[in-house]
Amino acid sequence: MIELIEIDRIKKAKAAMKDVVLTTSLQKNKYYSDLYSSNIQIKREDEQLVKSFKIRGAYNKINNLSKEKKNNGIVCASAGNHAQGFALTCKLKKIMGYVFMPKTTPKLKIDKVKEFGSEFVEIILTGKDFYDAFDESVIFCNEKKLNFIHPFNDYEIIEGQATLFLEILSQTDVSLDTLLIPIGGGGLISGAINVFKQLSSKTKIIGIQTMGAPAMKKSIKQNKLITLNEIDNFVDGAAVRKVGNLTFDYCKEYLDDIVIIDENEICKTVLDLEKNHNIIAEPAGAMSITALRQVKEEIIGKNVVCIICGGNNDRRRIPEIELRSKRWINQFRK
């Protein structure tokens, strides 16, 4: 059985990042609460400077490196949001960093990495998805003898993401029944597991994956780590072919359920959040809200938290998002 990270370590991580990581708001949403006859609260990680939770893990990992490792330089692979947290930390710590990103990464995220990292970051665009970029970054890291900052499969990354869930518990005075957490590589939901299974063990933790990239769901079903041959990269913040061994172990041992959602329905949620709630969510950031429909029967009368995990939505993607949203709606009009 994989051991849970000590809560004191997570508290220490939170204290260390207090001048860099914002305490984002936890907001009750009346519309979704009324729609699903429950108490829906939304954790707004899109309020971070880098507009996602990824700054937490990246900062915690890099901050804990030895001086020698920091001086040598560091490397990451990312579909975008981890790279932004990595880049900002590089600039704050004055560390040279190298960022490997897929060629399919939205331009907004590439531009933001440049902005946050400034002269301390070099960007290398390679491959069609995260794992192509990841493979190249590992080769580069070994050749140059640099230090790799993994986006999710690392205890200190998970420890950093876990600080989000300490915040949630400190921000609500109700007993939480359900957490809805997106899963890409599994770092965020592993953070949730490490906090809630120790401090609020009755809270049900439900993971969410897309139809086009259900690596965690399939791995748990087969009781082993599997690699998907093909994935849909549309929800770039959650599209991985293989989850981490650490995150797999946490989810296999402690996760209550995983639901699979349609990318087209996510697009409808992205548009609804902006139009009706003034929330700019990237597709991965809209996954928790999208999943509410699938669990609506079991959350009636319950206290539920959804995570807006990212808000880096490139406006040039809106025509495609609108098209996919219409496809979702139109299937019910036939």
C-alpha atoms as a PDB file:
ATOM      1  CA  MET A   1       0.000   0.000   0.000  1.00  0.00           C
ATOM      2  CA  ILE A   2       1.354   3.437  -0.929  1.00  0.00           C
ATOM      3  CA  GLU A   3       1.752   5.682   2.109  1.00  0.00           C
ATOM      4  CA  LEU A   4      -0.006   9.009   2.386  1.00  0.00           C
ATOM      5  CA  ILE A   5       2.165  12.121   2.664  1.00  0.00           C
ATOM      6  CA  GLU A   6       2.290  13.497   6.198  1.00  0.00           C
ATOM      7  CA  ILE A   7      -0.053  16.445   6.647  1.00  0.00           C
ATOM      8  CA  ASP A   8       2.713  18.419   8.353  1.00  0.00           C
ATOM      9  CA  ARG A   9       4.774  18.198   5.157  1.00  0.00           C
ATOM     10  CA  ILE A  10       1.860  19.591   3.155  1.00  0.00           C
ATOM     11  CA  LYS A  11       1.404  22.396   5.686  1.00  0.00           C
ATOM     12  CA  LYS A  12       5.115  23.191   5.452  1.00  0.00           C
ATOM     13  CA  ALA A  13       4.870  23.313   1.653  1.00  0.00           C
ATOM     14  CA  LYS A  14       1.908  25.686   1.889  1.00  0.00           C
ATOM     15  CA  ALA A  15       3.791  28.003   4.217  1.00  0.00           C
ATOM     16  CA  ALA A  16       6.823  28.062   1.919  1.00  0.00           C
ATOM     17  CA  MET A  17       4.774  29.154  -1.108  1.00  0.00           C
ATOM     18  CA  LYS A  18       2.657  31.817   0.621  1.00  0.00           C
ATOM     19  CA  ASP A  19       4.345  34.729  -1.202  1.00  0.00           C
ATOM     20  CA  VAL A  20       4.035  33.085  -4.629  1.00  0.00           C
ATOM     21  CA  VAL A  21       0.829  31.024  -4.647  1.00  0.00           C
ATOM     22  CA  LEU A  22      -2.503  32.767  -4.109  1.00  0.00           C
ATOM     23  CA  THR A  23      -5.173  31.427  -1.797  1.00  0.00           C
ATOM     24  CA  THR A  24      -7.888  31.185  -4.430  1.00  0.00           C
ATOM     25  CA  SER A  25     -11.560  31.631  -3.673  1.00  0.00           C
ATOM     26  CA  LEU A  26     -14.087  28.902  -2.929  1.00  0.00           C
ATOM     27  CA  GLN A  27     -17.426  30.159  -4.255  1.00  0.00           C
ATOM     28  CA  LYS A  28     -20.933  28.809  -3.859  1.00  0.00           C
ATOM     29  CA  ASN A  29     -22.604  28.631  -7.274  1.00  0.00           C
ATOM     30  CA  LYS A  30     -26.356  29.165  -7.026  1.00  0.00           C
ATOM     31  CA  TYR A  31     -27.126  28.172 -10.614  1.00  0.00           C
ATOM     32  CA  TYR A  32     -25.512  24.731 -10.435  1.00  0.00           C
ATOM     33  CA  SER A  33     -26.706  24.227  -6.860  1.00  0.00           C
ATOM     34  CA  ASP A  34     -30.305  24.813  -7.946  1.00  0.00           C
ATOM     35  CA  LEU A  35     -29.906  22.780 -11.129  1.00  0.00           C
ATOM     36  CA  TYR A  36     -28.609  19.725  -9.269  1.00  0.00           C
ATOM     37  CA  SER A  37     -30.509  20.221  -5.984  1.00  0.00           C
ATOM     38  CA  SER A  38     -27.264  20.361  -4.033  1.00  0.00           C
ATOM     39  CA  ASN A  39     -24.715  22.761  -2.576  1.00  0.00           C
ATOM     40  CA  ILE A  40     -22.097  23.263  -5.301  1.00  0.00           C
ATOM     41  CA  GLN A  41     -18.951  25.175  -4.430  1.00  0.00           C
ATOM     42  CA  ILE A  42     -16.311  26.027  -7.034  1.00  0.00           C
ATOM     43  CA  LYS A  43     -12.592  26.265  -6.242  1.00  0.00           C
ATOM     44  CA  ARG A  44     -11.162  28.920  -8.547  1.00  0.00           C
ATOM     45  CA  GLU A  45      -7.593  27.916  -9.401  1.00  0.00           C
ATOM     46  CA  ASP A  46      -7.963  29.987 -12.564  1.00  0.00           C
ATOM     47  CA  GLU A  47      -7.331  32.946 -10.224  1.00  0.00           C
ATOM     48  CA  GLN A  48      -3.649  32.030  -9.873  1.00  0.00           C
ATOM     49  CA  LEU A  49      -1.156  34.301 -11.657  1.00  0.00           C
ATOM     50  CA  VAL A  50      -0.430  31.427 -14.059  1.00  0.00           C
ATOM     51  CA  LYS A  51      -4.181  30.634 -14.178  1.00  0.00           C
ATOM     52  CA  SER A  52      -3.839  27.050 -12.953  1.00  0.00           C
ATOM     53  CA  PHE A  53      -2.994  24.959  -9.902  1.00  0.00           C
ATOM     54  CA  LYS A  54       0.265  23.794 -11.489  1.00  0.00           C
ATOM     55  CA  ILE A  55       2.293  26.568  -9.843  1.00  0.00           C
ATOM     56  CA  ARG A  56       1.818  24.770  -6.523  1.00  0.00           C
ATOM     57  CA  GLY A  57       3.593  21.559  -7.464  1.00  0.00           C
ATOM     58  CA  ALA A  58       6.242  23.184  -9.647  1.00  0.00           C
ATOM     59  CA  TYR A  59       7.208  25.720  -7.001  1.00  0.00           C
ATOM     60  CA  ASN A  60       7.298  23.151  -4.208  1.00  0.00           C
ATOM     61  CA  LYS A  61       9.518  20.774  -6.172  1.00  0.00           C
ATOM     62  CA  ILE A  62      11.963  23.413  -7.394  1.00  0.00           C
ATOM     63  CA  ASN A  63      12.078  25.193  -4.042  1.00  0.00           C
ATOM     64  CA  ASN A  64      13.195  21.940  -2.389  1.00  0.00           C
ATOM     65  CA  LEU A  65      16.077  21.279  -4.786  1.00  0.00           C
ATOM     66  CA  SER A  66      19.604  21.590  -3.449  1.00  0.00           C
ATOM     67  CA  LYS A  67      21.591  24.699  -4.402  1.00  0.00           C
ATOM     68  CA  GLU A  68      23.827  22.558  -6.610  1.00  0.00           C
ATOM     69  CA  LYS A  69      20.879  21.135  -8.557  1.00  0.00           C
ATOM     70  CA  LYS A  70      19.383  24.593  -8.998  1.00  0.00           C
ATOM     71  CA  ASN A  71      22.677  25.912 -10.326  1.00  0.00           C
ATOM     72  CA  ASN A  72      22.980  23.068 -12.831  1.00  0.00           C
ATOM     73  CA  GLY A  73      19.664  23.969 -14.474  1.00  0.00           C
ATOM     74  CA  ILE A  74      16.325  22.214 -14.710  1.00  0.00           C
ATOM     75  CA  VAL A  75      14.090  20.692 -17.397  1.00  0.00           C
ATOM     76  CA  CYS A  76      10.364  20.025 -17.747  1.00  0.00           C
ATOM     77  CA  ALA A  77       7.929  18.616 -20.279  1.00  0.00           C
ATOM     78  CA  SER A  78       4.427  20.025 -20.352  1.00  0.00           C
ATOM     79  CA  ALA A  79       1.292  20.553 -22.401  1.00  0.00           C
ATOM     80  CA  GLY A  80       1.271  24.113 -21.075  1.00  0.00           C
ATOM     81  CA  ASN A  81       0.187  24.751 -17.487  1.00  0.00           C
ATOM     82  CA  HIS A  82       3.017  22.935 -15.696  1.00  0.00           C
ATOM     83  CA  ALA A  83       5.394  24.823 -17.981  1.00  0.00           C
ATOM     84  CA  GLN A  84       3.972  28.154 -16.820  1.00  0.00           C
ATOM     85  CA  GLY A  85       4.391  27.292 -13.139  1.00  0.00           C
ATOM     86  CA  PHE A  86       7.874  26.001 -13.907  1.00  0.00           C
ATOM     87  CA  ALA A  87       8.761  29.157 -15.870  1.00  0.00           C
ATOM     88  CA  LEU A  88       7.546  31.563 -13.205  1.00  0.00           C
ATOM     89  CA  THR A  89       9.493  29.665 -10.542  1.00  0.00           C
ATOM     90  CA  CYS A  90      12.638  29.743 -12.714  1.00  0.00           C
ATOM     91  CA  LYS A  91      12.386  33.521 -12.960  1.00  0.00           C
ATOM     92  CA  LEU A  92      11.676  33.997  -9.258  1.00  0.00           C
ATOM     93  CA  LYS A  93      14.571  31.718  -8.261  1.00  0.00           C
ATOM     94  CA  LYS A  94      16.845  32.898 -11.113  1.00  0.00           C
ATOM     95  CA  ILE A  95      17.358  29.329 -12.351  1.00  0.00           C
ATOM     96  CA  MET A  96      17.899  28.419 -16.020  1.00  0.00           C
ATOM     97  CA  GLY A  97      15.100  26.159 -17.227  1.00  0.00           C
ATOM     98  CA  TYR A  98      14.353  24.267 -20.433  1.00  0.00           C
ATOM     99  CA  VAL A  99      10.725  23.603 -21.373  1.00  0.00           C
ATOM    100  CA  PHE A 100       9.731  20.866 -23.827  1.00  0.00           C
ATOM    101  CA  MET A 101       6.200  21.316 -25.190  1.00  0.00           C
ATOM    102  CA  PRO A 102       4.233  19.490 -27.920  1.00  0.00           C
ATOM    103  CA  LYS A 103       3.913  21.280 -31.259  1.00  0.00           C
ATOM    104  CA  THR A 104       0.139  21.088 -30.700  1.00  0.00           C
ATOM    105  CA  THR A 105       0.319  23.318 -27.583  1.00  0.00           C
ATOM    106  CA  PRO A 106      -2.048  26.329 -27.896  1.00  0.00           C
ATOM    107  CA  LYS A 107      -0.108  29.501 -28.744  1.00  0.00           C
ATOM    108  CA  LEU A 108      -1.498  31.264 -25.663  1.00  0.00           C
ATOM    109  CA  LYS A 109       0.289  28.789 -23.396  1.00  0.00           C
ATOM    110  CA  ILE A 110       3.557  29.082 -25.324  1.00  0.00           C
ATOM    111  CA  ASP A 111       3.410  32.880 -25.114  1.00  0.00           C
ATOM    112  CA  LYS A 112       2.654  32.746 -21.397  1.00  0.00           C
ATOM    113  CA  VAL A 113       5.650  30.477 -20.732  1.00  0.00           C
ATOM    114  CA  LYS A 114       7.852  33.042 -22.492  1.00  0.00           C
ATOM    115  CA  GLU A 115       6.268  35.849 -20.465  1.00  0.00           C
ATOM    116  CA  PHE A 116       6.595  34.144 -17.083  1.00  0.00           C
ATOM    117  CA  GLY A 117      10.072  32.730 -17.653  1.00  0.00           C
ATOM    118  CA  SER A 118      11.630  35.662 -19.477  1.00  0.00           C
ATOM    119  CA  GLU A 119      15.364  35.150 -20.043  1.00  0.00           C
ATOM    120  CA  PHE A 120      15.470  32.231 -17.595  1.00  0.00           C
ATOM    121  CA  VAL A 121      13.554  29.815 -19.856  1.00  0.00           C
ATOM    122  CA  GLU A 122      14.221  28.262 -23.245  1.00  0.00           C
ATOM    123  CA  ILE A 123      11.269  26.612 -25.038  1.00  0.00           C
ATOM    124  CA  ILE A 124      11.674  23.561 -27.279  1.00  0.00           C
ATOM    125  CA  LEU A 125       8.569  22.587 -29.306  1.00  0.00           C
ATOM    126  CA  THR A 126       8.651  18.925 -30.312  1.00  0.00           C
ATOM    127  CA  GLY A 127       6.294  16.025 -30.998  1.00  0.00           C
ATOM    128  CA  LYS A 128       2.543  15.709 -31.428  1.00  0.00           C
ATOM    129  CA  ASP A 129       1.598  15.239 -27.766  1.00  0.00           C
ATOM    130  CA  PHE A 130       2.901  15.398 -24.200  1.00  0.00           C
ATOM    131  CA  TYR A 131       4.671  12.067 -24.318  1.00  0.00           C
ATOM    132  CA  ASP A 132       6.611  12.884 -27.462  1.00  0.00           C
ATOM    133  CA  ALA A 133       7.812  16.053 -25.727  1.00  0.00           C
ATOM    134  CA  PHE A 134       8.445  14.093 -22.538  1.00  0.00           C
ATOM    135  CA  ASP A 135      10.666  11.536 -24.305  1.00  0.00           C
ATOM    136  CA  GLU A 136      12.760  14.277 -25.907  1.00  0.00           C
ATOM    137  CA  SER A 137      13.098  16.131 -22.604  1.00  0.00           C
ATOM    138  CA  VAL A 138      14.412  13.025 -20.826  1.00  0.00           C
ATOM    139  CA  ILE A 139      17.046  12.477 -23.525  1.00  0.00           C
ATOM    140  CA  PHE A 140      18.094  16.135 -23.301  1.00  0.00           C
ATOM    141  CA  CYS A 141      18.156  16.013 -19.500  1.00  0.00           C
ATOM    142  CA  ASN A 142      20.419  12.942 -19.454  1.00  0.00           C
ATOM    143  CA  GLU A 143      22.763  14.328 -22.094  1.00  0.00           C
ATOM    144  CA  LYS A 144      23.196  17.666 -20.317  1.00  0.00           C
ATOM    145  CA  LYS A 145      23.100  16.121 -16.806  1.00  0.00           C
ATOM    146  CA  LEU A 146      20.316  18.450 -15.716  1.00  0.00           C
ATOM    147  CA  ASN A 147      17.471  17.897 -13.224  1.00  0.00           C
ATOM    148  CA  PHE A 148      14.020  16.904 -14.444  1.00  0.00           C
ATOM    149  CA  ILE A 149      10.865  18.414 -12.919  1.00  0.00           C
ATOM    150  CA  HIS A 150       8.076  15.934 -13.616  1.00  0.00           C
ATOM    151  CA  PRO A 151       4.573  17.397 -14.088  1.00  0.00           C
ATOM    152  CA  PHE A 152       2.801  14.820 -11.914  1.00  0.00           C
ATOM    153  CA  ASN A 153       4.729  11.663 -10.976  1.00  0.00           C
ATOM    154  CA  ASP A 154       6.731  13.049  -8.051  1.00  0.00           C
ATOM    155  CA  TYR A 155       6.022  13.151  -4.325  1.00  0.00           C
ATOM    156  CA  GLU A 156       6.960  16.834  -3.993  1.00  0.00           C
ATOM    157  CA  ILE A 157       4.791  17.761  -6.980  1.00  0.00           C
ATOM    158  CA  ILE A 158       1.857  15.910  -5.394  1.00  0.00           C
ATOM    159  CA  GLU A 159       2.675  17.521  -2.049  1.00  0.00           C
ATOM    160  CA  GLY A 160       2.457  20.958  -3.694  1.00  0.00           C
ATOM    161  CA  GLN A 161      -0.877  20.191  -5.366  1.00  0.00           C
ATOM    162  CA  ALA A 162      -2.174  18.928  -2.020  1.00  0.00           C
ATOM    163  CA  THR A 163      -1.930  22.461  -0.582  1.00  0.00           C
ATOM    164  CA  LEU A 164      -5.007  23.325  -2.656  1.00  0.00           C
ATOM    165  CA  PHE A 165      -7.071  20.867  -0.634  1.00  0.00           C
ATOM    166  CA  LEU A 166      -5.821  22.152   2.711  1.00  0.00           C
ATOM    167  CA  GLU A 167      -7.184  25.504   1.534  1.00  0.00           C
ATOM    168  CA  ILE A 168     -10.563  24.037   0.671  1.00  0.00           C
ATOM    169  CA  LEU A 169     -10.945  22.535   4.148  1.00  0.00           C
ATOM    170  CA  SER A 170     -10.012  25.865   5.728  1.00  0.00           C
ATOM    171  CA  GLN A 171     -12.496  27.776   3.549  1.00  0.00           C
ATOM    172  CA  THR A 172     -15.696  25.855   4.274  1.00  0.00           C
ATOM    173  CA  ASP A 173     -17.599  25.216   7.475  1.00  0.00           C
ATOM    174  CA  VAL A 174     -19.715  22.386   6.024  1.00  0.00           C
ATOM    175  CA  SER A 175     -18.852  18.715   5.856  1.00  0.00           C
ATOM    176  CA  LEU A 176     -17.985  17.970   2.230  1.00  0.00           C
ATOM    177  CA  ASP A 177     -19.648  14.924   0.707  1.00  0.00           C
ATOM    178  CA  THR A 178     -18.077  14.862  -2.758  1.00  0.00           C
ATOM    179  CA  LEU A 179     -15.030  16.202  -4.598  1.00  0.00           C
ATOM    180  CA  LEU A 180     -14.983  16.185  -8.408  1.00  0.00           C
ATOM    181  CA  ILE A 181     -11.383  16.277  -9.658  1.00  0.00           C
ATOM    182  CA  PRO A 182     -10.061  16.182 -13.248  1.00  0.00           C
ATOM    183  CA  ILE A 183      -7.399  13.576 -13.996  1.00  0.00           C
ATOM    184  CA  GLY A 184      -4.658  14.018 -16.549  1.00  0.00           C
ATOM    185  CA  GLY A 185      -1.478  12.487 -15.197  1.00  0.00           C
ATOM    186  CA  GLY A 186      -3.022  12.278 -11.731  1.00  0.00           C
ATOM    187  CA  GLY A 187      -1.036  14.806  -9.689  1.00  0.00           C
ATOM    188  CA  LEU A 188      -4.011  16.941  -8.690  1.00  0.00           C
ATOM    189  CA  ILE A 189      -6.248  14.082  -7.617  1.00  0.00           C
ATOM    190  CA  SER A 190      -3.348  12.488  -5.736  1.00  0.00           C
ATOM    191  CA  GLY A 191      -3.051  15.752  -3.818  1.00  0.00           C
ATOM    192  CA  ALA A 192      -6.757  15.545  -2.989  1.00  0.00           C
ATOM    193  CA  ILE A 193      -6.378  11.955  -1.830  1.00  0.00           C
ATOM    194  CA  ASN A 194      -3.462  12.791   0.464  1.00  0.00           C
ATOM    195  CA  VAL A 195      -5.400  15.523   2.270  1.00  0.00           C
ATOM    196  CA  PHE A 196      -8.980  14.259   2.320  1.00  0.00           C
ATOM    197  CA  LYS A 197      -8.270  10.620   3.132  1.00  0.00           C
ATOM    198  CA  GLN A 198      -6.533  11.871   6.294  1.00  0.00           C
ATOM    199  CA  LEU A 199      -8.596  14.907   7.299  1.00  0.00           C
ATOM    200  CA  SER A 200     -12.034  14.230   5.803  1.00  0.00           C
ATOM    201  CA  SER A 201     -12.156  10.519   5.112  1.00  0.00           C
ATOM    202  CA  LYS A 202     -15.919  10.365   4.529  1.00  0.00           C
ATOM    203  CA  THR A 203     -15.675  12.713   1.548  1.00  0.00           C
ATOM    204  CA  LYS A 204     -16.125  10.813  -1.712  1.00  0.00           C
ATOM    205  CA  ILE A 205     -13.407  11.593  -4.278  1.00  0.00           C
ATOM    206  CA  ILE A 206     -14.508  11.166  -7.884  1.00  0.00           C
ATOM    207  CA  GLY A 207     -12.007  11.492 -10.704  1.00  0.00           C
ATOM    208  CA  ILE A 208     -12.933  12.698 -14.182  1.00  0.00           C
ATOM    209  CA  GLN A 209     -11.356  11.740 -17.480  1.00  0.00           C
ATOM    210  CA  THR A 210     -12.224  12.422 -21.098  1.00  0.00           C
ATOM    211  CA  MET A 211     -13.398   9.848 -23.614  1.00  0.00           C
ATOM    212  CA  GLY A 212     -10.288  10.541 -25.670  1.00  0.00           C
ATOM    213  CA  ALA A 213      -7.724   9.988 -22.912  1.00  0.00           C
ATOM    214  CA  PRO A 214      -8.961   7.607 -20.168  1.00  0.00           C
ATOM    215  CA  ALA A 215      -5.520   6.293 -19.158  1.00  0.00           C
ATOM    216  CA  MET A 216      -6.194   6.163 -15.407  1.00  0.00           C
ATOM    217  CA  LYS A 217      -9.594   4.509 -15.793  1.00  0.00           C
ATOM    218  CA  LYS A 218      -8.204   1.783 -18.042  1.00  0.00           C
ATOM    219  CA  SER A 219      -5.138   1.266 -15.848  1.00  0.00           C
ATOM    220  CA  ILE A 220      -7.257   0.750 -12.739  1.00  0.00           C
ATOM    221  CA  LYS A 221      -9.611  -1.571 -14.613  1.00  0.00           C
ATOM    222  CA  GLN A 222      -6.666  -3.715 -15.770  1.00  0.00           C
ATOM    223  CA  ASN A 223      -4.847  -3.335 -12.430  1.00  0.00           C
ATOM    224  CA  LYS A 224      -1.648  -2.223 -14.153  1.00  0.00           C
ATOM    225  CA  LEU A 225      -0.180   0.840 -15.814  1.00  0.00           C
ATOM    226  CA  ILE A 226      -1.194   0.925 -19.437  1.00  0.00           C
ATOM    227  CA  THR A 227      -0.183   3.229 -22.295  1.00  0.00           C
ATOM    228  CA  LEU A 228      -2.873   4.393 -24.703  1.00  0.00           C
ATOM    229  CA  ASN A 229      -1.835   4.071 -28.346  1.00  0.00           C
ATOM    230  CA  GLU A 230      -3.884   7.077 -29.447  1.00  0.00           C
ATOM    231  CA  ILE A 231      -5.422   9.974 -27.545  1.00  0.00           C
ATOM    232  CA  ASP A 232      -7.571  12.994 -28.341  1.00  0.00           C
ATOM    233  CA  ASN A 233      -5.412  16.039 -27.527  1.00  0.00           C
ATOM    234  CA  PHE A 234      -8.308  18.517 -27.543  1.00  0.00           C
ATOM    235  CA  VAL A 235      -8.437  18.744 -23.736  1.00  0.00           C
ATOM    236  CA  ASP A 236      -4.697  19.402 -23.692  1.00  0.00           C
ATOM    237  CA  GLY A 237      -4.492  19.925 -19.937  1.00  0.00           C
ATOM    238  CA  ALA A 238      -5.677  16.361 -19.274  1.00  0.00           C
ATOM    239  CA  ALA A 239      -4.517  14.418 -22.340  1.00  0.00           C
ATOM    240  CA  VAL A 240      -1.814  11.907 -21.421  1.00  0.00           C
ATOM    241  CA  ARG A 241      -1.169   8.443 -22.808  1.00  0.00           C
ATOM    242  CA  LYS A 242       0.145   7.089 -19.506  1.00  0.00           C
ATOM    243  CA  VAL A 243      -0.308   8.178 -15.896  1.00  0.00           C
ATOM    244  CA  GLY A 244       2.441   7.997 -13.276  1.00  0.00           C
ATOM    245  CA  ASN A 245       3.207   4.960 -11.147  1.00  0.00           C
ATOM    246  CA  LEU A 246       2.783   7.037  -7.983  1.00  0.00           C
ATOM    247  CA  THR A 247      -0.485   8.613  -9.077  1.00  0.00           C
ATOM    248  CA  PHE A 248      -1.758   5.226 -10.272  1.00  0.00           C
ATOM    249  CA  ASP A 249      -1.014   3.695  -6.873  1.00  0.00           C
ATOM    250  CA  TYR A 250      -2.810   6.512  -5.034  1.00  0.00           C
ATOM    251  CA  CYS A 251      -5.867   6.281  -7.287  1.00  0.00           C
ATOM    252  CA  LYS A 252      -5.993   2.478  -7.306  1.00  0.00           C
ATOM    253  CA  GLU A 253      -5.826   2.394  -3.508  1.00  0.00           C
ATOM    254  CA  TYR A 254      -7.988   5.345  -2.504  1.00  0.00           C
ATOM    255  CA  LEU A 255     -10.116   6.702  -5.365  1.00  0.00           C
ATOM    256  CA  ASP A 256     -13.865   6.194  -5.003  1.00  0.00           C
ATOM    257  CA  ASP A 257     -14.831   6.382  -8.670  1.00  0.00           C
ATOM    258  CA  ILE A 258     -13.909   7.709 -12.125  1.00  0.00           C
ATOM    259  CA  VAL A 259     -16.430   9.082 -14.605  1.00  0.00           C
ATOM    260  CA  ILE A 260     -15.756   9.567 -18.312  1.00  0.00           C
ATOM    261  CA  ILE A 261     -17.058  12.673 -20.078  1.00  0.00           C
ATOM    262  CA  ASP A 262     -17.428  13.700 -23.708  1.00  0.00           C
ATOM    263  CA  GLU A 263     -15.084  16.398 -25.053  1.00  0.00           C
ATOM    264  CA  ASN A 264     -18.025  18.012 -26.871  1.00  0.00           C
ATOM    265  CA  GLU A 265     -19.990  18.374 -23.635  1.00  0.00           C
ATOM    266  CA  ILE A 266     -16.931  19.998 -22.052  1.00  0.00           C
ATOM    267  CA  CYS A 267     -17.087  22.598 -24.840  1.00  0.00           C
ATOM    268  CA  LYS A 268     -20.681  23.424 -23.924  1.00  0.00           C
ATOM    269  CA  THR A 269     -19.595  23.902 -20.302  1.00  0.00           C
ATOM    270  CA  VAL A 270     -16.703  26.192 -21.318  1.00  0.00           C
ATOM    271  CA  LEU A 271     -19.165  28.454 -23.138  1.00  0.00           C
ATOM    272  CA  ASP A 272     -21.756  28.311 -20.332  1.00  0.00           C
ATOM    273  CA  LEU A 273     -19.184  29.233 -17.695  1.00  0.00           C
ATOM    274  CA  GLU A 274     -18.098  32.310 -19.607  1.00  0.00           C
ATOM    275  CA  LYS A 275     -21.563  33.452 -20.643  1.00  0.00           C
ATOM    276  CA  ASN A 276     -23.422  32.842 -17.391  1.00  0.00           C
ATOM    277  CA  HIS A 277     -20.750  32.958 -14.677  1.00  0.00           C
ATOM    278  CA  ASN A 278     -17.979  35.154 -16.091  1.00  0.00           C
ATOM    279  CA  ILE A 279     -15.468  32.312 -15.664  1.00  0.00           C
ATOM    280  CA  ILE A 280     -12.884  31.763 -18.384  1.00  0.00           C
ATOM    281  CA  ALA A 281     -12.074  28.056 -18.168  1.00  0.00           C
ATOM    282  CA  GLU A 282      -9.896  26.048 -20.500  1.00  0.00           C
ATOM    283  CA  PRO A 283     -11.367  22.652 -21.465  1.00  0.00           C
ATOM    284  CA  ALA A 284      -9.588  20.817 -18.616  1.00  0.00           C
ATOM    285  CA  GLY A 285     -10.797  23.523 -16.225  1.00  0.00           C
ATOM    286  CA  ALA A 286     -14.420  22.813 -17.159  1.00  0.00           C
ATOM    287  CA  MET A 287     -14.268  19.065 -16.544  1.00  0.00           C
ATOM    288  CA  SER A 288     -15.545  19.104 -12.944  1.00  0.00           C
ATOM    289  CA  ILE A 289     -18.637  21.133 -13.801  1.00  0.00           C
ATOM    290  CA  THR A 290     -19.297  18.954 -16.848  1.00  0.00           C
ATOM    291  CA  ALA A 291     -19.219  15.815 -14.698  1.00  0.00           C
ATOM    292  CA  LEU A 292     -22.040  17.065 -12.456  1.00  0.00           C
ATOM    293  CA  ARG A 293     -24.645  15.827 -14.934  1.00  0.00           C
ATOM    294  CA  GLN A 294     -23.355  12.258 -14.683  1.00  0.00           C
ATOM    295  CA  VAL A 295     -23.424  12.177 -10.884  1.00  0.00           C
ATOM    296  CA  LYS A 296     -26.581  14.252 -10.420  1.00  0.00           C
ATOM    297  CA  GLU A 297     -28.584  11.479  -8.752  1.00  0.00           C
ATOM    298  CA  GLU A 298     -25.986  10.753  -6.088  1.00  0.00           C
ATOM    299  CA  ILE A 299     -25.283  14.401  -5.154  1.00  0.00           C
ATOM    300  CA  ILE A 300     -28.854  15.482  -4.396  1.00  0.00           C
ATOM    301  CA  GLY A 301     -28.796  17.326  -1.080  1.00  0.00           C
ATOM    302  CA  LYS A 302     -25.004  16.938  -0.831  1.00  0.00           C
ATOM    303  CA  ASN A 303     -22.129  19.386  -0.359  1.00  0.00           C
ATOM    304  CA  VAL A 304     -19.965  19.204  -3.488  1.00  0.00           C
ATOM    305  CA  VAL A 305     -16.730  20.918  -4.565  1.00  0.00           C
ATOM    306  CA  CYS A 306     -15.721  21.305  -8.214  1.00  0.00           C
ATOM    307  CA  ILE A 307     -12.284  22.525  -9.289  1.00  0.00           C
ATOM    308  CA  ILE A 308     -11.766  25.070 -12.063  1.00  0.00           C
ATOM    309  CA  CYS A 309      -8.212  23.805 -12.440  1.00  0.00           C
ATOM    310  CA  GLY A 310      -7.147  25.998 -15.358  1.00  0.00           C
ATOM    311  CA  GLY A 311      -8.141  29.166 -17.198  1.00  0.00           C
ATOM    312  CA  ASN A 312      -5.647  29.311 -20.063  1.00  0.00           C
ATOM    313  CA  ASN A 313      -8.145  29.164 -22.903  1.00  0.00           C
ATOM    314  CA  ASP A 314      -6.750  30.429 -26.194  1.00  0.00           C
ATOM    315  CA  ARG A 315      -9.432  32.627 -27.781  1.00  0.00           C
ATOM    316  CA  ARG A 316      -8.456  31.289 -31.204  1.00  0.00           C
ATOM    317  CA  ARG A 317      -9.937  27.954 -30.123  1.00  0.00           C
ATOM    318  CA  ILE A 318     -13.414  29.419 -29.587  1.00  0.00           C
ATOM    319  CA  PRO A 319     -14.752  28.606 -33.104  1.00  0.00           C
ATOM    320  CA  GLU A 320     -13.835  24.935 -32.601  1.00  0.00           C
ATOM    321  CA  ILE A 321     -15.280  24.978 -29.070  1.00  0.00           C
ATOM    322  CA  GLU A 322     -18.530  26.473 -30.402  1.00  0.00           C
ATOM    323  CA  LEU A 323     -18.713  23.858 -33.150  1.00  0.00           C
ATOM    324  CA  ARG A 324     -18.161  20.961 -30.764  1.00  0.00           C
ATOM    325  CA  SER A 325     -20.685  22.421 -28.303  1.00  0.00           C
ATOM    326  CA  LYS A 326     -23.309  22.544 -31.092  1.00  0.00           C
ATOM    327  CA  ARG A 327     -22.589  18.911 -31.922  1.00  0.00           C
ATOM    328  CA  TRP A 328     -23.276  17.997 -28.320  1.00  0.00           C
ATOM    329  CA  ILE A 329     -26.538  19.941 -28.209  1.00  0.00           C
ATOM    330  CA  ASN A 330     -27.733  18.790 -31.634  1.00  0.00           C
ATOM    331  CA  GLN A 331     -27.564  15.096 -30.783  1.00  0.00           C
ATOM    332  CA  PHE A 332     -30.544  15.636 -28.456  1.00  0.00           C
ATOM    333  CA  ARG A 333     -32.615  17.365 -31.171  1.00  0.00           C
ATOM    334  CA  LYS A 334     -32.719  14.417 -33.541  1.00  0.00           C
END
